[in-house]
Amino acid sequence: MLWAILPAAVLLLAFGDSGPLALLLGTAALALVLRLSVNLPLTILASVPVGLVTGAAVAVFGGAVLEQMTAVFDQFLTSVEQQMAPAGGDGEVTLLRPTALQVAGMLGVANGLLSVLCLLLARWWQAALYNPGGFAAEFRRLYYPPAISALLLLAALGLASLGVQWRPWAAIFLLPLTFAGLALLHAWQALRGGGRGLLVGFYLSWVIFDLVKILVVVAAVAGSWLQWRQRWAARAGTDVDRRDDNDSD
């Protein structure tokens, strides 16, 4: 851990880039939670405080970084406005610029998301070495009780209702539900069988379209309240979480 922190600290001191250090600490925090709890849902739930602490730290101590990033956003959006402007100069296209608070929230979301992805990658490697196929089954069991799903959703909606600048912060509370929704998709795919083309296409659409991201969260909440996994398993007469899967998800 100390050897990994060393180059990240050098980047921070030399170039002011705190991203690698924040990601390293966030992943280490999640790994510690997983080691102590042996509970993947609880570990991914810990991405919420990781994202909130990251965003708050950037908002308080990262003034120079926020100024640079808002300037980059401003230049990019200005170029987009120029390209979208109608020929002849009739009318103007004006896009909203993100505030420093919004950018801090975006960085919090990014660090929370990437910390979970790094942890899942490490968990996959560990399973490949010591328990082939174990990670796929573990991930498909990712699920949150209705009370926790409702609290996460209400917290996100409450922050989003405060204004546009708080919407990135609201997205931090949706990270656990996002992964729960993706796990639900993998559980359905494992029960359905077939190739992985559907998953590949879905992930591409999830990266590109915001509507798909929202549907994943909705599916996680609905699956929590309606117990879709249990119904699927009852219809199939098997346990979808324990299906043999030689290829990890």
C-alpha atoms as a PDB file:
ATOM      1  CA  MET A   1       0.000   0.000   0.000  1.00  0.00           C
ATOM      2  CA  LEU A   2       2.788   2.410   0.902  1.00  0.00           C
ATOM      3  CA  TRP A   3       4.690   1.676  -2.327  1.00  0.00           C
ATOM      4  CA  ALA A   4       1.490   2.281  -4.309  1.00  0.00           C
ATOM      5  CA  ILE A   5       0.852   5.559  -2.499  1.00  0.00           C
ATOM      6  CA  LEU A   6       4.363   6.837  -3.259  1.00  0.00           C
ATOM      7  CA  PRO A   7       3.951   7.484  -7.028  1.00  0.00           C
ATOM      8  CA  ALA A   8       0.404   8.771  -6.442  1.00  0.00           C
ATOM      9  CA  ALA A   9       1.746  11.241  -3.878  1.00  0.00           C
ATOM     10  CA  VAL A  10       4.487  12.323  -6.307  1.00  0.00           C
ATOM     11  CA  LEU A  11       1.836  13.056  -8.951  1.00  0.00           C
ATOM     12  CA  LEU A  12      -0.112  15.080  -6.417  1.00  0.00           C
ATOM     13  CA  LEU A  13       2.893  17.136  -5.300  1.00  0.00           C
ATOM     14  CA  ALA A  14       4.446  17.604  -8.740  1.00  0.00           C
ATOM     15  CA  PHE A  15       1.386  18.134 -10.924  1.00  0.00           C
ATOM     16  CA  GLY A  16      -1.488  18.682  -8.489  1.00  0.00           C
ATOM     17  CA  ASP A  17      -3.258  15.567  -9.763  1.00  0.00           C
ATOM     18  CA  SER A  18      -5.041  13.990  -6.801  1.00  0.00           C
ATOM     19  CA  GLY A  19      -7.031  11.500  -8.885  1.00  0.00           C
ATOM     20  CA  PRO A  20      -4.697   8.461  -8.585  1.00  0.00           C
ATOM     21  CA  LEU A  21      -4.282   8.961  -4.840  1.00  0.00           C
ATOM     22  CA  ALA A  22      -8.027   9.372  -4.292  1.00  0.00           C
ATOM     23  CA  LEU A  23      -8.746   6.252  -6.353  1.00  0.00           C
ATOM     24  CA  LEU A  24      -6.113   4.242  -4.498  1.00  0.00           C
ATOM     25  CA  LEU A  25      -7.439   5.277  -1.093  1.00  0.00           C
ATOM     26  CA  GLY A  26     -11.057   4.718  -2.139  1.00  0.00           C
ATOM     27  CA  THR A  27     -10.322   1.215  -3.431  1.00  0.00           C
ATOM     28  CA  ALA A  28      -8.294   0.397  -0.318  1.00  0.00           C
ATOM     29  CA  ALA A  29     -11.178   1.544   1.896  1.00  0.00           C
ATOM     30  CA  LEU A  30     -13.628  -0.708   0.041  1.00  0.00           C
ATOM     31  CA  ALA A  31     -11.181  -3.622   0.176  1.00  0.00           C
ATOM     32  CA  LEU A  32     -10.891  -3.165   3.940  1.00  0.00           C
ATOM     33  CA  VAL A  33     -14.677  -3.190   4.311  1.00  0.00           C
ATOM     34  CA  LEU A  34     -14.873  -6.367   2.228  1.00  0.00           C
ATOM     35  CA  ARG A  35     -12.110  -8.028   4.243  1.00  0.00           C
ATOM     36  CA  LEU A  36     -13.780  -7.237   7.577  1.00  0.00           C
ATOM     37  CA  SER A  37     -17.379  -7.913   6.548  1.00  0.00           C
ATOM     38  CA  VAL A  38     -17.022 -10.530   3.776  1.00  0.00           C
ATOM     39  CA  ASN A  39     -20.141  -8.880   2.398  1.00  0.00           C
ATOM     40  CA  LEU A  40     -20.115  -7.555  -1.167  1.00  0.00           C
ATOM     41  CA  PRO A  41     -23.403  -5.576  -0.945  1.00  0.00           C
ATOM     42  CA  LEU A  42     -22.176  -3.777   2.183  1.00  0.00           C
ATOM     43  CA  THR A  43     -18.835  -3.084   0.487  1.00  0.00           C
ATOM     44  CA  ILE A  44     -20.450  -1.508  -2.562  1.00  0.00           C
ATOM     45  CA  LEU A  45     -22.741   0.455  -0.252  1.00  0.00           C
ATOM     46  CA  ALA A  46     -19.556   1.944   1.223  1.00  0.00           C
ATOM     47  CA  SER A  47     -18.917   3.598  -2.160  1.00  0.00           C
ATOM     48  CA  VAL A  48     -21.439   6.246  -1.071  1.00  0.00           C
ATOM     49  CA  PRO A  49     -19.268   7.657   1.754  1.00  0.00           C
ATOM     50  CA  VAL A  50     -16.192   7.237  -0.466  1.00  0.00           C
ATOM     51  CA  GLY A  51     -17.811   9.396  -3.146  1.00  0.00           C
ATOM     52  CA  LEU A  52     -19.132  11.951  -0.669  1.00  0.00           C
ATOM     53  CA  VAL A  53     -15.774  12.315   1.094  1.00  0.00           C
ATOM     54  CA  THR A  54     -13.972  12.636  -2.241  1.00  0.00           C
ATOM     55  CA  GLY A  55     -16.340  15.322  -3.482  1.00  0.00           C
ATOM     56  CA  ALA A  56     -16.217  17.210  -0.195  1.00  0.00           C
ATOM     57  CA  ALA A  57     -12.406  17.066  -0.106  1.00  0.00           C
ATOM     58  CA  VAL A  58     -12.170  18.414  -3.641  1.00  0.00           C
ATOM     59  CA  ALA A  59     -14.698  21.161  -2.873  1.00  0.00           C
ATOM     60  CA  VAL A  60     -12.755  22.264   0.220  1.00  0.00           C
ATOM     61  CA  PHE A  61      -9.130  21.736  -0.788  1.00  0.00           C
ATOM     62  CA  GLY A  62      -9.156  21.529  -4.580  1.00  0.00           C
ATOM     63  CA  GLY A  63      -9.862  25.102  -5.566  1.00  0.00           C
ATOM     64  CA  ALA A  64      -7.138  25.194  -8.230  1.00  0.00           C
ATOM     65  CA  VAL A  65      -8.238  21.882  -9.726  1.00  0.00           C
ATOM     66  CA  LEU A  66     -11.862  22.988  -9.850  1.00  0.00           C
ATOM     67  CA  GLU A  67     -10.890  26.235 -11.590  1.00  0.00           C
ATOM     68  CA  GLN A  68      -8.932  24.322 -14.214  1.00  0.00           C
ATOM     69  CA  MET A  69     -11.740  21.852 -14.826  1.00  0.00           C
ATOM     70  CA  THR A  70     -14.443  24.499 -15.048  1.00  0.00           C
ATOM     71  CA  ALA A  71     -12.239  26.366 -17.539  1.00  0.00           C
ATOM     72  CA  VAL A  72     -11.906  23.180 -19.619  1.00  0.00           C
ATOM     73  CA  PHE A  73     -15.673  22.670 -19.547  1.00  0.00           C
ATOM     74  CA  ASP A  74     -16.189  26.300 -20.546  1.00  0.00           C
ATOM     75  CA  GLN A  75     -13.857  26.010 -23.545  1.00  0.00           C
ATOM     76  CA  PHE A  76     -15.447  22.753 -24.653  1.00  0.00           C
ATOM     77  CA  LEU A  77     -19.009  24.056 -24.352  1.00  0.00           C
ATOM     78  CA  THR A  78     -18.052  27.258 -26.160  1.00  0.00           C
ATOM     79  CA  SER A  79     -16.796  25.237 -29.108  1.00  0.00           C
ATOM     80  CA  VAL A  80     -19.989  23.162 -29.059  1.00  0.00           C
ATOM     81  CA  GLU A  81     -22.094  26.340 -29.062  1.00  0.00           C
ATOM     82  CA  GLN A  82     -20.179  27.641 -32.067  1.00  0.00           C
ATOM     83  CA  GLN A  83     -20.775  24.417 -33.959  1.00  0.00           C
ATOM     84  CA  MET A  84     -24.478  24.400 -33.073  1.00  0.00           C
ATOM     85  CA  ALA A  85     -24.997  28.066 -33.966  1.00  0.00           C
ATOM     86  CA  PRO A  86     -27.218  28.445 -37.044  1.00  0.00           C
ATOM     87  CA  ALA A  87     -25.702  29.749 -40.255  1.00  0.00           C
ATOM     88  CA  GLY A  88     -25.999  33.502 -40.757  1.00  0.00           C
ATOM     89  CA  GLY A  89     -25.742  34.277 -37.053  1.00  0.00           C
ATOM     90  CA  ASP A  90     -29.519  34.271 -36.464  1.00  0.00           C
ATOM     91  CA  GLY A  91     -30.092  33.223 -32.863  1.00  0.00           C
ATOM     92  CA  GLU A  92     -27.658  31.934 -30.296  1.00  0.00           C
ATOM     93  CA  VAL A  93     -27.154  28.587 -28.605  1.00  0.00           C
ATOM     94  CA  THR A  94     -26.282  28.813 -24.918  1.00  0.00           C
ATOM     95  CA  LEU A  95     -25.328  25.773 -22.858  1.00  0.00           C
ATOM     96  CA  LEU A  96     -25.230  25.777 -19.087  1.00  0.00           C
ATOM     97  CA  ARG A  97     -21.760  25.754 -17.545  1.00  0.00           C
ATOM     98  CA  PRO A  98     -21.129  23.446 -14.586  1.00  0.00           C
ATOM     99  CA  THR A  99     -20.307  25.183 -11.331  1.00  0.00           C
ATOM    100  CA  ALA A 100     -17.392  24.258  -9.092  1.00  0.00           C
ATOM    101  CA  LEU A 101     -19.825  22.449  -6.793  1.00  0.00           C
ATOM    102  CA  GLN A 102     -21.105  20.376  -9.696  1.00  0.00           C
ATOM    103  CA  VAL A 103     -17.592  19.467 -10.816  1.00  0.00           C
ATOM    104  CA  ALA A 104     -16.712  18.398  -7.255  1.00  0.00           C
ATOM    105  CA  GLY A 105     -19.780  16.147  -7.241  1.00  0.00           C
ATOM    106  CA  MET A 106     -18.799  14.691 -10.618  1.00  0.00           C
ATOM    107  CA  LEU A 107     -15.355  13.840  -9.264  1.00  0.00           C
ATOM    108  CA  GLY A 108     -16.981  12.217  -6.233  1.00  0.00           C
ATOM    109  CA  VAL A 109     -19.196  10.073  -8.467  1.00  0.00           C
ATOM    110  CA  ALA A 110     -16.238   9.135 -10.661  1.00  0.00           C
ATOM    111  CA  ASN A 111     -14.056   8.117  -7.731  1.00  0.00           C
ATOM    112  CA  GLY A 112     -16.810   6.098  -6.086  1.00  0.00           C
ATOM    113  CA  LEU A 113     -17.603   4.322  -9.373  1.00  0.00           C
ATOM    114  CA  LEU A 114     -13.986   3.607 -10.262  1.00  0.00           C
ATOM    115  CA  SER A 115     -13.201   2.417  -6.740  1.00  0.00           C
ATOM    116  CA  VAL A 116     -15.958  -0.192  -7.016  1.00  0.00           C
ATOM    117  CA  LEU A 117     -14.800  -1.239 -10.487  1.00  0.00           C
ATOM    118  CA  CYS A 118     -11.211  -1.646  -9.264  1.00  0.00           C
ATOM    119  CA  LEU A 119     -12.421  -3.690  -6.304  1.00  0.00           C
ATOM    120  CA  LEU A 120     -14.558  -5.935  -8.541  1.00  0.00           C
ATOM    121  CA  LEU A 121     -11.626  -6.432 -10.905  1.00  0.00           C
ATOM    122  CA  ALA A 122      -9.434  -7.515  -7.981  1.00  0.00           C
ATOM    123  CA  ARG A 123     -12.187  -9.796  -6.698  1.00  0.00           C
ATOM    124  CA  TRP A 124     -12.473 -11.359 -10.154  1.00  0.00           C
ATOM    125  CA  TRP A 125      -8.711 -11.969 -10.282  1.00  0.00           C
ATOM    126  CA  GLN A 126      -8.808 -13.514  -6.819  1.00  0.00           C
ATOM    127  CA  ALA A 127     -11.658 -15.836  -7.816  1.00  0.00           C
ATOM    128  CA  ALA A 128      -9.866 -16.816 -11.022  1.00  0.00           C
ATOM    129  CA  LEU A 129      -6.876 -17.942  -8.941  1.00  0.00           C
ATOM    130  CA  TYR A 130      -8.581 -19.623  -5.995  1.00  0.00           C
ATOM    131  CA  ASN A 131     -12.282 -20.111  -6.814  1.00  0.00           C
ATOM    132  CA  PRO A 132     -13.016 -20.165 -10.573  1.00  0.00           C
ATOM    133  CA  GLY A 133     -16.561 -19.028 -11.273  1.00  0.00           C
ATOM    134  CA  GLY A 134     -17.062 -17.828  -7.716  1.00  0.00           C
ATOM    135  CA  PHE A 135     -17.048 -14.146  -8.570  1.00  0.00           C
ATOM    136  CA  ALA A 136     -19.843 -14.543 -11.135  1.00  0.00           C
ATOM    137  CA  ALA A 137     -22.110 -16.220  -8.577  1.00  0.00           C
ATOM    138  CA  GLU A 138     -21.197 -13.677  -5.892  1.00  0.00           C
ATOM    139  CA  PHE A 139     -21.941 -10.725  -8.159  1.00  0.00           C
ATOM    140  CA  ARG A 140     -25.281 -12.133  -9.282  1.00  0.00           C
ATOM    141  CA  ARG A 141     -26.358 -12.327  -5.633  1.00  0.00           C
ATOM    142  CA  LEU A 142     -25.806  -8.584  -5.173  1.00  0.00           C
ATOM    143  CA  TYR A 143     -29.075  -7.292  -3.735  1.00  0.00           C
ATOM    144  CA  TYR A 144     -30.346  -4.638  -1.327  1.00  0.00           C
ATOM    145  CA  PRO A 145     -33.402  -4.988   0.920  1.00  0.00           C
ATOM    146  CA  PRO A 146     -36.366  -2.735   0.135  1.00  0.00           C
ATOM    147  CA  ALA A 147     -35.628  -0.389   3.055  1.00  0.00           C
ATOM    148  CA  ILE A 148     -32.057   0.307   1.918  1.00  0.00           C
ATOM    149  CA  SER A 149     -33.104   0.700  -1.713  1.00  0.00           C
ATOM    150  CA  ALA A 150     -35.796   3.168  -0.689  1.00  0.00           C
ATOM    151  CA  LEU A 151     -33.403   5.180   1.504  1.00  0.00           C
ATOM    152  CA  LEU A 152     -30.827   5.434  -1.296  1.00  0.00           C
ATOM    153  CA  LEU A 153     -33.458   6.485  -3.802  1.00  0.00           C
ATOM    154  CA  LEU A 154     -35.030   9.046  -1.473  1.00  0.00           C
ATOM    155  CA  ALA A 155     -31.619  10.528  -0.631  1.00  0.00           C
ATOM    156  CA  ALA A 156     -30.832  10.881  -4.333  1.00  0.00           C
ATOM    157  CA  LEU A 157     -34.196  12.469  -5.121  1.00  0.00           C
ATOM    158  CA  GLY A 158     -33.891  14.819  -2.155  1.00  0.00           C
ATOM    159  CA  LEU A 159     -30.489  16.112  -3.265  1.00  0.00           C
ATOM    160  CA  ALA A 160     -31.581  16.395  -6.887  1.00  0.00           C
ATOM    161  CA  SER A 161     -34.566  18.514  -5.833  1.00  0.00           C
ATOM    162  CA  LEU A 162     -32.204  21.126  -4.372  1.00  0.00           C
ATOM    163  CA  GLY A 163     -31.100  22.229  -7.832  1.00  0.00           C
ATOM    164  CA  VAL A 164     -29.002  21.330 -10.847  1.00  0.00           C
ATOM    165  CA  GLN A 165     -25.717  21.784  -9.034  1.00  0.00           C
ATOM    166  CA  TRP A 166     -26.617  19.034  -6.556  1.00  0.00           C
ATOM    167  CA  ARG A 167     -27.548  16.412  -9.141  1.00  0.00           C
ATOM    168  CA  PRO A 168     -24.019  14.962  -9.429  1.00  0.00           C
ATOM    169  CA  TRP A 169     -24.011  14.573  -5.647  1.00  0.00           C
ATOM    170  CA  ALA A 170     -27.365  12.803  -5.874  1.00  0.00           C
ATOM    171  CA  ALA A 171     -25.843  10.333  -8.341  1.00  0.00           C
ATOM    172  CA  ILE A 172     -23.427   9.176  -5.626  1.00  0.00           C
ATOM    173  CA  PHE A 173     -26.343   7.619  -3.730  1.00  0.00           C
ATOM    174  CA  LEU A 174     -27.355   5.731  -6.879  1.00  0.00           C
ATOM    175  CA  LEU A 175     -24.032   3.898  -7.251  1.00  0.00           C
ATOM    176  CA  PRO A 176     -25.043   0.868  -5.116  1.00  0.00           C
ATOM    177  CA  LEU A 177     -28.395   0.637  -6.918  1.00  0.00           C
ATOM    178  CA  THR A 178     -26.617   0.815 -10.265  1.00  0.00           C
ATOM    179  CA  PHE A 179     -24.452  -2.187  -9.456  1.00  0.00           C
ATOM    180  CA  ALA A 180     -27.444  -4.013  -7.985  1.00  0.00           C
ATOM    181  CA  GLY A 181     -29.309  -3.413 -11.239  1.00  0.00           C
ATOM    182  CA  LEU A 182     -26.376  -4.708 -13.285  1.00  0.00           C
ATOM    183  CA  ALA A 183     -26.174  -7.766 -11.039  1.00  0.00           C
ATOM    184  CA  LEU A 184     -29.879  -8.367 -11.640  1.00  0.00           C
ATOM    185  CA  LEU A 185     -29.238  -8.293 -15.385  1.00  0.00           C
ATOM    186  CA  HIS A 186     -26.432 -10.844 -15.012  1.00  0.00           C
ATOM    187  CA  ALA A 187     -28.704 -13.064 -12.910  1.00  0.00           C
ATOM    188  CA  TRP A 188     -31.379 -12.942 -15.607  1.00  0.00           C
ATOM    189  CA  GLN A 189     -28.825 -13.682 -18.317  1.00  0.00           C
ATOM    190  CA  ALA A 190     -27.457 -16.650 -16.358  1.00  0.00           C
ATOM    191  CA  LEU A 191     -30.969 -18.079 -15.973  1.00  0.00           C
ATOM    192  CA  ARG A 192     -31.832 -17.419 -19.608  1.00  0.00           C
ATOM    193  CA  GLY A 193     -28.580 -18.840 -20.951  1.00  0.00           C
ATOM    194  CA  GLY A 194     -27.213 -18.085 -24.388  1.00  0.00           C
ATOM    195  CA  GLY A 195     -24.314 -15.971 -25.521  1.00  0.00           C
ATOM    196  CA  ARG A 196     -22.956 -12.745 -24.144  1.00  0.00           C
ATOM    197  CA  GLY A 197     -23.922 -10.532 -27.060  1.00  0.00           C
ATOM    198  CA  LEU A 198     -26.882  -9.169 -25.113  1.00  0.00           C
ATOM    199  CA  LEU A 199     -24.663  -8.141 -22.192  1.00  0.00           C
ATOM    200  CA  VAL A 200     -22.116  -6.487 -24.486  1.00  0.00           C
ATOM    201  CA  GLY A 201     -24.815  -4.523 -26.289  1.00  0.00           C
ATOM    202  CA  PHE A 202     -26.448  -3.539 -23.037  1.00  0.00           C
ATOM    203  CA  TYR A 203     -23.220  -2.247 -21.505  1.00  0.00           C
ATOM    204  CA  LEU A 204     -22.515  -0.183 -24.609  1.00  0.00           C
ATOM    205  CA  SER A 205     -25.965   1.382 -24.410  1.00  0.00           C
ATOM    206  CA  TRP A 206     -25.533   1.898 -20.650  1.00  0.00           C
ATOM    207  CA  VAL A 207     -22.338   3.867 -21.203  1.00  0.00           C
ATOM    208  CA  ILE A 208     -23.855   6.008 -23.961  1.00  0.00           C
ATOM    209  CA  PHE A 209     -27.456   6.680 -22.932  1.00  0.00           C
ATOM    210  CA  ASP A 210     -28.560   8.266 -19.649  1.00  0.00           C
ATOM    211  CA  LEU A 211     -32.011   6.714 -19.995  1.00  0.00           C
ATOM    212  CA  VAL A 212     -30.491   3.240 -19.733  1.00  0.00           C
ATOM    213  CA  LYS A 213     -28.664   4.276 -16.553  1.00  0.00           C
ATOM    214  CA  ILE A 214     -31.990   5.361 -15.060  1.00  0.00           C
ATOM    215  CA  LEU A 215     -33.662   2.106 -16.106  1.00  0.00           C
ATOM    216  CA  VAL A 216     -30.919   0.120 -14.368  1.00  0.00           C
ATOM    217  CA  VAL A 217     -31.607   1.950 -11.105  1.00  0.00           C
ATOM    218  CA  VAL A 218     -35.360   1.470 -11.519  1.00  0.00           C
ATOM    219  CA  ALA A 219     -34.810  -2.237 -12.161  1.00  0.00           C
ATOM    220  CA  ALA A 220     -32.711  -2.538  -8.992  1.00  0.00           C
ATOM    221  CA  VAL A 221     -35.425  -0.900  -6.859  1.00  0.00           C
ATOM    222  CA  ALA A 222     -38.203  -2.923  -8.504  1.00  0.00           C
ATOM    223  CA  GLY A 223     -36.233  -6.144  -8.122  1.00  0.00           C
ATOM    224  CA  SER A 224     -35.697  -5.349  -4.464  1.00  0.00           C
ATOM    225  CA  TRP A 225     -39.384  -4.829  -3.755  1.00  0.00           C
ATOM    226  CA  LEU A 226     -40.826  -7.461  -6.128  1.00  0.00           C
ATOM    227  CA  GLN A 227     -38.202 -10.153  -5.474  1.00  0.00           C
ATOM    228  CA  TRP A 228     -37.643 -10.969  -9.124  1.00  0.00           C
ATOM    229  CA  ARG A 229     -34.707 -13.295  -8.434  1.00  0.00           C
ATOM    230  CA  GLN A 230     -36.778 -15.533  -6.191  1.00  0.00           C
ATOM    231  CA  ARG A 231     -39.604 -15.670  -8.740  1.00  0.00           C
ATOM    232  CA  TRP A 232     -37.230 -16.509 -11.579  1.00  0.00           C
ATOM    233  CA  ALA A 233     -35.620 -19.264  -9.522  1.00  0.00           C
ATOM    234  CA  ALA A 234     -39.024 -20.682  -8.562  1.00  0.00           C
ATOM    235  CA  ARG A 235     -40.155 -20.802 -12.192  1.00  0.00           C
ATOM    236  CA  ALA A 236     -36.913 -22.376 -13.353  1.00  0.00           C
ATOM    237  CA  GLY A 237     -36.773 -24.784 -10.435  1.00  0.00           C
ATOM    238  CA  THR A 238     -33.159 -23.874  -9.716  1.00  0.00           C
ATOM    239  CA  ASP A 239     -31.010 -21.340  -7.896  1.00  0.00           C
ATOM    240  CA  VAL A 240     -29.892 -18.757 -10.402  1.00  0.00           C
ATOM    241  CA  ASP A 241     -27.097 -17.637  -8.094  1.00  0.00           C
ATOM    242  CA  ARG A 242     -25.469 -21.067  -8.088  1.00  0.00           C
ATOM    243  CA  ARG A 243     -25.610 -21.958 -11.770  1.00  0.00           C
ATOM    244  CA  ASP A 244     -22.287 -23.200 -13.069  1.00  0.00           C
ATOM    245  CA  ASP A 245     -20.478 -20.532 -15.042  1.00  0.00           C
ATOM    246  CA  ASN A 246     -16.985 -21.312 -16.265  1.00  0.00           C
ATOM    247  CA  ASP A 247     -16.623 -17.902 -17.843  1.00  0.00           C
ATOM    248  CA  SER A 248     -16.652 -15.081 -15.290  1.00  0.00           C
ATOM    249  CA  ASP A 249     -19.051 -12.199 -15.761  1.00  0.00           C
END
